Amino acid sequence: MKPAAFTYHRAHSVAGAVELLTELGEDAKIIAGGQSLVAMMNFRLARPEHLIDITHLDGLSGIRRDGDALHIGALTTHRAAEKADLGPDFRLLSGAMRWVGHLPIRTRGTVGGSISHADATAEWCVLAVLLDAVVVAHGASGRREIAAAEFFLGPFTTALEPDEMVVEVVFGRPARRAALTEYADRRGDFALVAAAVDLDAPGGVSVVLGGVGPVPVTVAPSSHGAAAIADEVAGAVELRDEPGISAHYRRGLVRTLTARACEEATTR
């Protein structure tokens, strides 16, 4: 299928993109890598009347350290993050990129695009919640910082205002003993379940699950040991039967993947 008709706009600056968003309103969408939005448009699941291309904007790509914090520009590709030497503090992020689609998708898709798309199974969304990341948005009222836990509101729904765009994601807390793993029926598909674990989170062990709710779901288990943590997490999530996958099967995936992530994080 092909997308419905739309008007293409090419932004030449962040301010210009925001101006277009303000002028065009909710009928406009930002496009960068287009790996999620274009697919939805092809299936007529999304029908924006205007596309604002920010692909060539300066200053929105790249990864830099500032003290303990890691700043990732919105136009940074998954592949760039995968290849980056993030050191032991953030190797979780580069390692998790192997789960993102296939190489062409990782080469074109962007961190900001994934965060903005807000698919609850997407790796960047799960990781942002796990590590208490801050999503930095720019809009008509200026710069705004939104905690990842408050950014994702529902399926493909975020706290962004219609005139705002993501410009940066900041991971402020190092995570040396953390891991993400997932399962999909076919390599490169979106995960049926994703499990990310941080053994050194401020309140103790933190587990964030993708694929079990409309947004990434956080569980703070009190148990110790991979098997016990996995059992507690699997029992804590609310699941229901869905076409093609039962709640029992998905709960089993939660248990297996959580245990696997705990074991991987422990070895780090």
Protein backbone atom coordinates (compact mmCIF):
# COMPACT_ATOMS: atom_id res chain seq x y z
CA MET A 1 0.00 0.00 0.00
CA LYS A 2 0.97 3.62 -0.35
CA PRO A 3 0.37 6.49 2.07
CA ALA A 4 -2.42 9.00 1.76
CA ALA A 5 -1.48 12.32 0.17
CA PHE A 6 0.55 14.72 2.29
CA THR A 7 2.52 17.95 1.95
CA TYR A 8 6.28 17.73 2.47
CA HIS A 9 8.16 20.44 4.38
CA ARG A 10 11.92 20.54 4.96
CA ALA A 11 12.97 22.29 8.15
CA HIS A 12 16.27 24.15 8.21
CA SER A 13 16.53 24.63 11.97
CA VAL A 14 14.89 23.50 15.19
CA ALA A 15 13.20 26.87 15.44
CA GLY A 16 11.91 26.46 11.88
CA ALA A 17 10.56 23.00 12.63
CA VAL A 18 8.79 24.29 15.74
CA GLU A 19 7.35 27.18 13.76
CA LEU A 20 5.92 24.72 11.22
CA LEU A 21 4.51 22.54 14.00
CA THR A 22 2.87 25.58 15.56
CA GLU A 23 1.42 26.72 12.24
CA LEU A 24 0.21 23.33 11.00
CA GLY A 25 -1.00 21.93 14.32
CA GLU A 26 -1.94 18.30 14.95
CA ASP A 27 -2.11 17.53 11.21
CA ALA A 28 1.71 17.65 11.06
CA LYS A 29 4.28 15.00 11.98
CA ILE A 30 8.04 15.15 12.34
CA ILE A 31 9.97 12.69 10.17
CA ALA A 32 13.63 11.74 10.47
CA GLY A 33 14.60 8.11 9.79
CA GLY A 34 10.98 7.26 9.04
CA GLN A 35 11.37 3.59 9.98
CA SER A 36 8.19 3.59 12.08
CA LEU A 37 6.11 6.46 10.72
CA VAL A 38 6.41 5.55 7.03
CA ALA A 39 5.34 1.97 7.70
CA MET A 40 2.25 3.19 9.55
CA MET A 41 1.49 5.61 6.74
CA ASN A 42 1.80 2.85 4.15
CA PHE A 43 -0.82 0.84 6.01
CA ARG A 44 -2.96 3.98 6.46
CA LEU A 45 -2.66 3.64 10.24
CA ALA A 46 -1.31 7.19 10.25
CA ARG A 47 -2.49 9.90 7.86
CA PRO A 48 -0.64 13.14 8.59
CA GLU A 49 -1.47 15.91 6.16
CA HIS A 50 2.00 17.42 6.58
CA LEU A 51 5.45 15.89 7.09
CA ILE A 52 8.25 18.04 8.49
CA ASP A 53 11.63 16.61 7.57
CA ILE A 54 14.34 17.27 10.19
CA THR A 55 16.88 14.78 8.84
CA HIS A 56 19.49 17.38 7.94
CA LEU A 57 19.31 19.63 10.98
CA ASP A 58 22.65 20.41 12.60
CA GLY A 59 23.32 19.74 16.25
CA LEU A 60 20.76 16.97 16.80
CA SER A 61 23.00 13.94 16.32
CA GLY A 62 25.88 12.58 18.33
CA ILE A 63 26.65 11.15 21.76
CA ARG A 64 28.57 12.96 24.49
CA ARG A 65 29.40 12.49 28.16
CA ASP A 66 28.88 15.27 30.69
CA GLY A 67 30.04 13.99 34.04
CA ASP A 68 27.97 10.91 34.83
CA ALA A 69 25.32 11.80 32.26
CA LEU A 70 25.15 10.54 28.69
CA HIS A 71 23.51 12.87 26.16
CA ILE A 72 22.17 11.33 22.94
CA GLY A 73 20.95 13.63 20.19
CA ALA A 74 17.54 12.91 18.72
CA LEU A 75 18.93 12.27 15.22
CA THR A 76 21.52 9.78 16.44
CA THR A 77 20.88 6.48 14.66
CA HIS A 78 20.56 3.12 16.39
CA ARG A 79 23.64 2.00 14.47
CA ALA A 80 25.69 4.93 15.74
CA ALA A 81 24.77 4.00 19.31
CA GLU A 82 25.55 0.35 18.60
CA LYS A 83 29.03 1.18 17.33
CA ALA A 84 29.85 3.77 20.00
CA ASP A 85 32.25 2.95 22.82
CA LEU A 86 30.08 3.95 25.75
CA GLY A 87 32.32 2.35 28.36
CA PRO A 88 31.15 0.12 31.21
CA ASP A 89 28.73 2.75 32.53
CA PHE A 90 26.45 2.63 29.48
CA ARG A 91 27.43 -0.44 27.47
CA LEU A 92 23.89 -1.64 28.14
CA LEU A 93 22.67 0.88 25.56
CA SER A 94 25.02 -0.10 22.76
CA GLY A 95 24.54 -3.80 23.49
CA ALA A 96 20.76 -3.51 23.35
CA MET A 97 20.85 -2.19 19.80
CA ARG A 98 21.37 -5.70 18.42
CA TRP A 99 17.71 -6.30 19.16
CA VAL A 100 16.54 -3.37 16.99
CA GLY A 101 15.22 -4.70 13.69
CA HIS A 102 17.79 -5.39 10.99
CA LEU A 103 20.90 -3.46 9.96
CA PRO A 104 19.14 -1.19 7.39
CA ILE A 105 16.61 -0.19 10.06
CA ARG A 106 19.33 0.51 12.62
CA THR A 107 21.22 2.53 10.03
CA ARG A 108 18.26 4.83 9.29
CA GLY A 109 16.16 4.76 12.45
CA THR A 110 16.85 7.36 15.14
CA VAL A 111 16.78 7.45 18.91
CA GLY A 112 14.47 10.47 19.00
CA GLY A 113 12.15 8.88 16.48
CA SER A 114 11.85 5.71 18.54
CA ILE A 115 11.19 7.65 21.75
CA SER A 116 8.60 9.86 20.01
CA HIS A 117 6.87 6.89 18.39
CA ALA A 118 6.34 5.44 21.89
CA ASP A 119 5.89 1.78 21.06
CA ALA A 120 5.85 0.03 24.44
CA THR A 121 8.08 -2.77 23.15
CA ALA A 122 10.72 -0.49 21.61
CA GLU A 123 14.15 -0.89 23.16
CA TRP A 124 14.82 2.84 23.63
CA CYS A 125 11.50 3.32 25.41
CA VAL A 126 12.20 0.44 27.81
CA LEU A 127 15.77 1.61 28.42
CA ALA A 128 14.72 5.22 29.01
CA VAL A 129 12.31 4.15 31.75
CA LEU A 130 14.79 1.70 33.28
CA LEU A 131 17.55 4.30 33.63
CA ASP A 132 15.32 7.24 34.61
CA ALA A 133 16.23 9.12 31.44
CA VAL A 134 15.06 12.64 30.69
CA VAL A 135 13.51 13.45 27.32
CA VAL A 136 14.38 16.97 26.22
CA ALA A 137 11.76 18.64 24.02
CA HIS A 138 11.79 21.99 22.24
CA GLY A 139 8.60 23.85 21.43
CA ALA A 140 7.12 27.30 21.02
CA SER A 141 7.56 27.92 24.75
CA GLY A 142 11.21 26.85 24.66
CA ARG A 143 13.05 23.89 26.09
CA ARG A 144 11.31 21.40 28.37
CA GLU A 145 12.62 18.34 30.22
CA ILE A 146 10.28 15.39 30.77
CA ALA A 147 11.08 12.36 32.91
CA ALA A 148 10.78 9.16 30.88
CA ALA A 149 8.40 7.69 33.46
CA GLU A 150 6.02 10.59 32.71
CA PHE A 151 6.68 10.81 28.97
CA PHE A 152 4.89 7.67 27.77
CA LEU A 153 1.13 8.05 28.27
CA GLY A 154 -0.28 5.17 26.21
CA PRO A 155 0.09 3.29 22.93
CA PHE A 156 1.94 5.64 20.56
CA THR A 157 1.02 8.54 22.86
CA THR A 158 3.45 10.83 24.65
CA ALA A 159 3.47 13.96 26.80
CA LEU A 160 4.73 16.05 23.87
CA GLU A 161 2.64 19.09 23.02
CA PRO A 162 1.61 19.46 19.34
CA ASP A 163 4.26 22.16 18.83
CA GLU A 164 7.10 20.22 20.50
CA MET A 165 9.77 17.92 19.12
CA VAL A 166 12.35 15.74 20.87
CA VAL A 167 15.87 17.13 20.57
CA GLU A 168 17.81 15.00 23.05
CA VAL A 169 17.59 12.10 25.49
CA VAL A 170 19.72 12.29 28.63
CA PHE A 171 20.65 9.17 30.57
CA GLY A 172 21.79 10.62 33.86
CA ARG A 173 22.50 7.45 35.80
CA PRO A 174 25.24 4.96 34.91
CA ALA A 175 24.21 1.30 34.93
CA ARG A 176 27.16 -1.06 35.03
CA ARG A 177 25.14 -4.10 36.11
CA ALA A 178 22.20 -3.91 33.75
CA ALA A 179 20.97 -5.91 30.77
CA LEU A 180 18.14 -6.11 28.26
CA THR A 181 16.89 -9.19 26.47
CA GLU A 182 13.76 -9.98 24.48
CA TYR A 183 11.94 -12.55 22.38
CA ALA A 184 10.23 -12.29 18.99
CA ASP A 185 8.90 -15.07 16.79
CA ARG A 186 11.16 -13.88 13.96
CA ARG A 187 14.53 -12.17 14.23
CA GLY A 188 14.07 -8.45 13.73
CA ASP A 189 10.35 -8.34 14.59
CA PHE A 190 9.06 -6.27 17.48
CA ALA A 191 9.38 -8.25 20.69
CA LEU A 192 6.51 -10.19 22.19
CA VAL A 193 8.16 -9.42 25.53
CA ALA A 194 11.28 -7.42 26.41
CA ALA A 195 12.86 -7.44 29.87
CA ALA A 196 15.44 -4.97 31.12
CA VAL A 197 17.05 -5.24 34.55
CA ASP A 198 19.19 -2.83 36.58
CA LEU A 199 20.67 -4.52 39.64
CA ASP A 200 21.99 -1.22 41.03
CA ALA A 201 18.96 1.04 40.71
CA PRO A 202 18.60 3.65 43.50
CA GLY A 203 15.77 1.77 45.22
CA GLY A 204 17.20 -1.70 44.68
CA VAL A 205 16.65 -4.00 41.72
CA SER A 206 14.50 -2.48 38.95
CA VAL A 207 12.86 -4.41 36.13
CA VAL A 208 11.15 -2.77 33.15
CA LEU A 209 9.05 -4.86 30.79
CA GLY A 210 7.96 -4.14 27.24
CA GLY A 211 5.06 -5.90 25.55
CA VAL A 212 2.98 -6.41 28.69
CA GLY A 213 1.07 -3.11 28.74
CA PRO A 214 0.35 0.09 26.82
CA VAL A 215 3.59 1.63 28.14
CA PRO A 216 6.79 0.11 29.56
CA VAL A 217 5.91 -1.48 32.91
CA THR A 218 8.19 -1.10 35.94
CA VAL A 219 8.42 -3.70 38.68
CA ALA A 220 10.59 -3.30 41.79
CA PRO A 221 11.08 -6.84 43.14
CA SER A 222 12.21 -7.43 46.70
CA SER A 223 13.52 -10.94 46.05
CA HIS A 224 17.15 -11.92 45.57
CA GLY A 225 18.61 -14.18 42.93
CA ALA A 226 17.65 -14.43 39.28
CA ALA A 227 15.05 -17.18 39.65
CA ALA A 228 13.30 -15.58 42.63
CA ILE A 229 13.27 -12.15 41.00
CA ALA A 230 11.87 -13.64 37.80
CA ASP A 231 9.10 -15.46 39.67
CA GLU A 232 8.13 -12.31 41.56
CA VAL A 233 8.08 -10.17 38.42
CA ALA A 234 6.08 -12.74 36.45
CA GLY A 235 3.50 -12.88 39.23
CA ALA A 236 3.25 -9.10 39.52
CA VAL A 237 2.23 -8.21 35.96
CA GLU A 238 -1.40 -8.18 34.87
CA LEU A 239 -1.87 -10.02 31.58
CA ARG A 240 -4.80 -11.19 29.51
CA ASP A 241 -5.27 -13.56 26.61
CA GLU A 242 -4.85 -11.92 23.22
CA PRO A 243 -5.36 -13.25 19.68
CA GLY A 244 -2.47 -15.58 18.95
CA ILE A 245 -0.88 -15.42 22.40
CA SER A 246 -2.21 -16.45 25.77
CA ALA A 247 -1.55 -14.72 29.06
CA HIS A 248 0.03 -17.94 30.31
CA TYR A 249 2.54 -17.99 27.45
CA ARG A 250 3.43 -14.32 27.82
CA ARG A 251 3.88 -14.75 31.58
CA GLY A 252 6.29 -17.58 30.88
CA LEU A 253 8.26 -15.27 28.59
CA VAL A 254 8.36 -12.62 31.32
CA ARG A 255 9.76 -15.16 33.78
CA THR A 256 12.36 -16.58 31.39
CA LEU A 257 13.55 -13.24 30.01
CA THR A 258 13.74 -11.57 33.43
CA ALA A 259 15.88 -14.41 34.76
CA ARG A 260 18.08 -14.26 31.67
CA ALA A 261 18.54 -10.48 32.01
CA CYS A 262 19.39 -10.84 35.71
CA GLU A 263 22.02 -13.46 34.95
CA GLU A 264 23.54 -11.32 32.20
CA ALA A 265 23.59 -8.23 34.42
CA THR A 266 25.25 -10.20 37.22
CA THR A 267 28.15 -11.23 34.97
CA ARG A 268 28.84 -7.58 34.26
